[in-house]
């Protein structure tokens, strides 16, 4: 599996800080679910974008 790099936007960084400061468990779980989806990635497509010639 290829290495992955996750880059957080300013808004996401602020959201992380707010979760840590507020100790909001529910918001932390929602954010973690979103993060897991980012980490999972998606399988590549062998077809490409154009028609087969």
PDB file of N, CA and C in Angstrom:
ATOM      1  N   UNK A   1       0.847  -1.177   0.000  1.00  0.00           N
ATOM      2  CA  UNK A   1       0.000   0.000   0.000  1.00  0.00           C
ATOM      3  C   UNK A   1       0.897   1.246   0.000  1.00  0.00           C
ATOM      4  N   UNK A   2       0.517   2.219  -0.751  1.00  0.00           N
ATOM      5  CA  UNK A   2       1.276   3.458  -0.854  1.00  0.00           C
ATOM      6  C   UNK A   2       1.142   4.290   0.417  1.00  0.00           C
ATOM      7  N   UNK A   3       2.189   5.070   0.687  1.00  0.00           N
ATOM      8  CA  UNK A   3       2.124   5.992   1.820  1.00  0.00           C
ATOM      9  C   UNK A   3       1.078   7.045   1.521  1.00  0.00           C
ATOM     10  N   UNK A   4       0.431   7.520   2.570  1.00  0.00           N
ATOM     11  CA  UNK A   4      -0.599   8.541   2.403  1.00  0.00           C
ATOM     12  C   UNK A   4      -0.226   9.762   3.238  1.00  0.00           C
ATOM     13  N   UNK A   5      -0.581  10.896   2.728  1.00  0.00           N
ATOM     14  CA  UNK A   5      -0.382  12.134   3.452  1.00  0.00           C
ATOM     15  C   UNK A   5      -1.736  12.816   3.553  1.00  0.00           C
ATOM     16  N   UNK A   6      -2.118  13.143   4.758  1.00  0.00           N
ATOM     17  CA  UNK A   6      -3.391  13.820   4.974  1.00  0.00           C
ATOM     18  C   UNK A   6      -3.098  15.269   5.326  1.00  0.00           C
ATOM     19  N   UNK A   7      -3.699  16.160   4.585  1.00  0.00           N
ATOM     20  CA  UNK A   7      -3.512  17.587   4.813  1.00  0.00           C
ATOM     21  C   UNK A   7      -4.840  18.150   5.302  1.00  0.00           C
ATOM     22  N   UNK A   8      -4.806  18.815   6.435  1.00  0.00           N
ATOM     23  CA  UNK A   8      -6.009  19.405   6.998  1.00  0.00           C
ATOM     24  C   UNK A   8      -6.113  20.864   6.571  1.00  0.00           C
ATOM     25  N   UNK A   9      -7.321  21.256   6.226  1.00  0.00           N
ATOM     26  CA  UNK A   9      -7.582  22.661   5.901  1.00  0.00           C
ATOM     27  C   UNK A   9      -7.561  23.469   7.202  1.00  0.00           C
ATOM     28  N   UNK A  10      -7.550  24.783   7.058  1.00  0.00           N
ATOM     29  CA  UNK A  10      -7.587  25.640   8.253  1.00  0.00           C
ATOM     30  C   UNK A  10      -8.838  25.357   9.078  1.00  0.00           C
ATOM     31  N   UNK A  11      -9.963  25.158   8.383  1.00  0.00           N
ATOM     32  CA  UNK A  11     -11.227  24.886   9.066  1.00  0.00           C
ATOM     33  C   UNK A  11     -11.141  23.572   9.852  1.00  0.00           C
ATOM     34  N   UNK A  12     -10.548  22.543   9.237  1.00  0.00           N
ATOM     35  CA  UNK A  12     -10.410  21.253   9.923  1.00  0.00           C
ATOM     36  C   UNK A  12      -9.478  21.363  11.127  1.00  0.00           C
ATOM     37  N   UNK A  13      -8.413  22.136  10.991  1.00  0.00           N
ATOM     38  CA  UNK A  13      -7.499  22.343  12.114  1.00  0.00           C
ATOM     39  C   UNK A  13      -8.206  23.043  13.271  1.00  0.00           C
ATOM     40  N   UNK A  14      -9.032  24.018  12.949  1.00  0.00           N
ATOM     41  CA  UNK A  14      -9.800  24.719  13.980  1.00  0.00           C
ATOM     42  C   UNK A  14     -10.791  23.767  14.641  1.00  0.00           C
ATOM     43  N   UNK A  15     -11.382  22.882  13.835  1.00  0.00           N
ATOM     44  CA  UNK A  15     -12.337  21.910  14.366  1.00  0.00           C
ATOM     45  C   UNK A  15     -11.632  20.961  15.339  1.00  0.00           C
ATOM     46  N   UNK A  16     -10.442  20.502  14.990  1.00  0.00           N
ATOM     47  CA  UNK A  16      -9.671  19.624  15.872  1.00  0.00           C
ATOM     48  C   UNK A  16      -9.363  20.338  17.182  1.00  0.00           C
ATOM     49  N   UNK A  17      -8.914  21.577  17.095  1.00  0.00           N
ATOM     50  CA  UNK A  17      -8.606  22.355  18.299  1.00  0.00           C
ATOM     51  C   UNK A  17      -9.842  22.520  19.174  1.00  0.00           C
ATOM     52  N   UNK A  18     -10.983  22.809  18.557  1.00  0.00           N
ATOM     53  CA  UNK A  18     -12.222  22.988  19.322  1.00  0.00           C
ATOM     54  C   UNK A  18     -12.624  21.697  20.023  1.00  0.00           C
ATOM     55  N   UNK A  19     -12.472  20.569  19.346  1.00  0.00           N
ATOM     56  CA  UNK A  19     -12.802  19.274  19.953  1.00  0.00           C
ATOM     57  C   UNK A  19     -11.915  19.031  21.161  1.00  0.00           C
ATOM     58  N   UNK A  20     -10.624  19.319  21.014  1.00  0.00           N
ATOM     59  CA  UNK A  20      -9.691  19.099  22.126  1.00  0.00           C
ATOM     60  C   UNK A  20      -9.975  20.033  23.298  1.00  0.00           C
ATOM     61  N   UNK A  21     -10.260  21.277  23.004  1.00  0.00           N
ATOM     62  CA  UNK A  21     -10.526  22.246  24.063  1.00  0.00           C
ATOM     63  C   UNK A  21     -11.835  21.920  24.782  1.00  0.00           C
ATOM     64  N   UNK A  22     -12.887  21.623  24.014  1.00  0.00           N
ATOM     65  CA  UNK A  22     -14.208  21.359  24.592  1.00  0.00           C
ATOM     66  C   UNK A  22     -14.356  19.947  25.141  1.00  0.00           C
ATOM     67  N   UNK A  23     -13.449  19.054  24.740  1.00  0.00           N
ATOM     68  CA  UNK A  23     -13.530  17.644  25.120  1.00  0.00           C
ATOM     69  C   UNK A  23     -14.882  17.063  24.721  1.00  0.00           C
ATOM     70  N   UNK A  24     -15.317  17.402  23.496  1.00  0.00           N
ATOM     71  CA  UNK A  24     -16.612  16.966  22.961  1.00  0.00           C
ATOM     72  C   UNK A  24     -16.462  15.572  22.349  1.00  0.00           C
ATOM     73  N   UNK A  25     -16.891  14.554  23.073  1.00  0.00           N
ATOM     74  CA  UNK A  25     -16.704  13.167  22.634  1.00  0.00           C
ATOM     75  C   UNK A  25     -17.492  12.852  21.363  1.00  0.00           C
ATOM     76  N   UNK A  26     -18.712  13.319  21.270  1.00  0.00           N
ATOM     77  CA  UNK A  26     -19.533  13.026  20.088  1.00  0.00           C
ATOM     78  C   UNK A  26     -18.950  13.665  18.836  1.00  0.00           C
ATOM     79  N   UNK A  27     -18.523  14.903  18.948  1.00  0.00           N
ATOM     80  CA  UNK A  27     -17.926  15.590  17.803  1.00  0.00           C
ATOM     81  C   UNK A  27     -16.607  14.920  17.422  1.00  0.00           C
ATOM     82  N   UNK A  28     -15.856  14.466  18.410  1.00  0.00           N
ATOM     83  CA  UNK A  28     -14.598  13.766  18.140  1.00  0.00           C
ATOM     84  C   UNK A  28     -14.856  12.471  17.360  1.00  0.00           C
ATOM     85  N   UNK A  29     -15.887  11.729  17.740  1.00  0.00           N
ATOM     86  CA  UNK A  29     -16.222  10.496  17.022  1.00  0.00           C
ATOM     87  C   UNK A  29     -16.633  10.775  15.582  1.00  0.00           C
ATOM     88  N   UNK A  30     -17.422  11.834  15.372  1.00  0.00           N
ATOM     89  CA  UNK A  30     -17.824  12.194  14.010  1.00  0.00           C
ATOM     90  C   UNK A  30     -16.607  12.561  13.167  1.00  0.00           C
ATOM     91  N   UNK A  31     -15.693  13.323  13.762  1.00  0.00           N
ATOM     92  CA  UNK A  31     -14.501  13.732  13.036  1.00  0.00           C
ATOM     93  C   UNK A  31     -13.617  12.522  12.730  1.00  0.00           C
ATOM     94  N   UNK A  32     -13.497  11.598  13.674  1.00  0.00           N
ATOM     95  CA  UNK A  32     -12.686  10.397  13.465  1.00  0.00           C
ATOM     96  C   UNK A  32     -13.264   9.534  12.344  1.00  0.00           C
ATOM     97  N   UNK A  33     -14.582   9.438  12.263  1.00  0.00           N
ATOM     98  CA  UNK A  33     -15.214   8.677  11.184  1.00  0.00           C
ATOM     99  C   UNK A  33     -14.863   9.303   9.835  1.00  0.00           C
ATOM    100  N   UNK A  34     -14.893  10.614   9.773  1.00  0.00           N
ATOM    101  CA  UNK A  34     -14.529  11.328   8.548  1.00  0.00           C
ATOM    102  C   UNK A  34     -13.053  11.092   8.226  1.00  0.00           C
ATOM    103  N   UNK A  35     -12.200  11.106   9.247  1.00  0.00           N
ATOM    104  CA  UNK A  35     -10.773  10.895   9.062  1.00  0.00           C
ATOM    105  C   UNK A  35     -10.479   9.488   8.544  1.00  0.00           C
ATOM    106  N   UNK A  36     -11.188   8.498   9.071  1.00  0.00           N
ATOM    107  CA  UNK A  36     -10.998   7.117   8.614  1.00  0.00           C
ATOM    108  C   UNK A  36     -11.328   7.010   7.128  1.00  0.00           C
ATOM    109  N   UNK A  37     -12.378   7.674   6.682  1.00  0.00           N
ATOM    110  CA  UNK A  37     -12.729   7.664   5.262  1.00  0.00           C
ATOM    111  C   UNK A  37     -11.617   8.295   4.423  1.00  0.00           C
ATOM    112  N   UNK A  38     -10.984   9.335   4.943  1.00  0.00           N
ATOM    113  CA  UNK A  38      -9.894   9.986   4.227  1.00  0.00           C
ATOM    114  C   UNK A  38      -8.695   9.041   4.126  1.00  0.00           C
ATOM    115  N   UNK A  39      -8.447   8.282   5.173  1.00  0.00           N
ATOM    116  CA  UNK A  39      -7.293   7.387   5.216  1.00  0.00           C
ATOM    117  C   UNK A  39      -7.497   6.173   4.324  1.00  0.00           C
ATOM    118  N   UNK A  40      -8.715   5.653   4.295  1.00  0.00           N
ATOM    119  CA  UNK A  40      -9.003   4.448   3.517  1.00  0.00           C
ATOM    120  C   UNK A  40      -8.592   4.587   2.065  1.00  0.00           C
ATOM    121  N   UNK A  41      -8.905   5.692   1.464  1.00  0.00           N
ATOM    122  CA  UNK A  41      -8.612   5.867   0.046  1.00  0.00           C
ATOM    123  C   UNK A  41      -9.585   5.065  -0.798  1.00  0.00           C
ATOM    124  N   UNK A  42      -9.363   5.068  -2.077  1.00  0.00           N
ATOM    125  CA  UNK A  42     -10.251   4.386  -2.999  1.00  0.00           C
ATOM    126  C   UNK A  42      -9.417   3.634  -4.027  1.00  0.00           C
ATOM    127  N   UNK A  43      -9.941   2.532  -4.481  1.00  0.00           N
ATOM    128  CA  UNK A  43      -9.229   1.735  -5.481  1.00  0.00           C
ATOM    129  C   UNK A  43      -9.115   2.520  -6.782  1.00  0.00           C
ATOM    130  N   UNK A  44      -8.015   2.359  -7.471  1.00  0.00           N
ATOM    131  CA  UNK A  44      -7.816   3.041  -8.745  1.00  0.00           C
ATOM    132  C   UNK A  44      -8.667   2.413  -9.838  1.00  0.00           C
ATOM    133  N   UNK A  45      -8.827   3.139 -10.910  1.00  0.00           N
ATOM    134  CA  UNK A  45      -9.589   2.657 -12.046  1.00  0.00           C
ATOM    135  C   UNK A  45      -8.635   2.329 -13.178  1.00  0.00           C
ATOM    136  N   UNK A  46      -8.793   1.150 -13.755  1.00  0.00           N
ATOM    137  CA  UNK A  46      -7.938   0.734 -14.860  1.00  0.00           C
ATOM    138  C   UNK A  46      -8.426   1.289 -16.184  1.00  0.00           C
ATOM    139  N   UNK A  47      -9.622   1.807 -16.218  1.00  0.00           N
ATOM    140  CA  UNK A  47     -10.232   2.237 -17.477  1.00  0.00           C
ATOM    141  C   UNK A  47      -9.695   3.568 -17.990  1.00  0.00           C
ATOM    142  N   UNK A  48      -9.276   4.440 -17.120  1.00  0.00           N
ATOM    143  CA  UNK A  48      -8.869   5.763 -17.553  1.00  0.00           C
ATOM    144  C   UNK A  48     -10.082   6.635 -17.777  1.00  0.00           C
ATOM    145  N   UNK A  49      -9.875   7.772 -18.457  1.00  0.00           N
ATOM    146  CA  UNK A  49     -10.978   8.714 -18.626  1.00  0.00           C
ATOM    147  C   UNK A  49     -11.580   8.699 -20.020  1.00  0.00           C
ATOM    148  N   UNK A  50     -10.893   8.109 -20.978  1.00  0.00           N
ATOM    149  CA  UNK A  50     -11.398   8.151 -22.347  1.00  0.00           C
ATOM    150  C   UNK A  50     -11.876   6.782 -22.832  1.00  0.00           C
ATOM    151  N   UNK A  51     -12.473   6.751 -24.014  1.00  0.00           N
ATOM    152  CA  UNK A  51     -12.945   5.489 -24.576  1.00  0.00           C
ATOM    153  C   UNK A  51     -11.779   4.624 -25.028  1.00  0.00           C
ATOM    154  N   UNK A  52     -11.995   3.320 -25.091  1.00  0.00           N
ATOM    155  CA  UNK A  52     -10.979   2.391 -25.560  1.00  0.00           C
ATOM    156  C   UNK A  52     -10.955   2.439 -27.086  1.00  0.00           C
ATOM    157  N   UNK A  53      -9.758   2.531 -27.671  1.00  0.00           N
ATOM    158  CA  UNK A  53      -9.644   2.634 -29.133  1.00  0.00           C
ATOM    159  C   UNK A  53      -8.961   1.416 -29.670  1.00  0.00           C
TER     160      UNK A  53
END
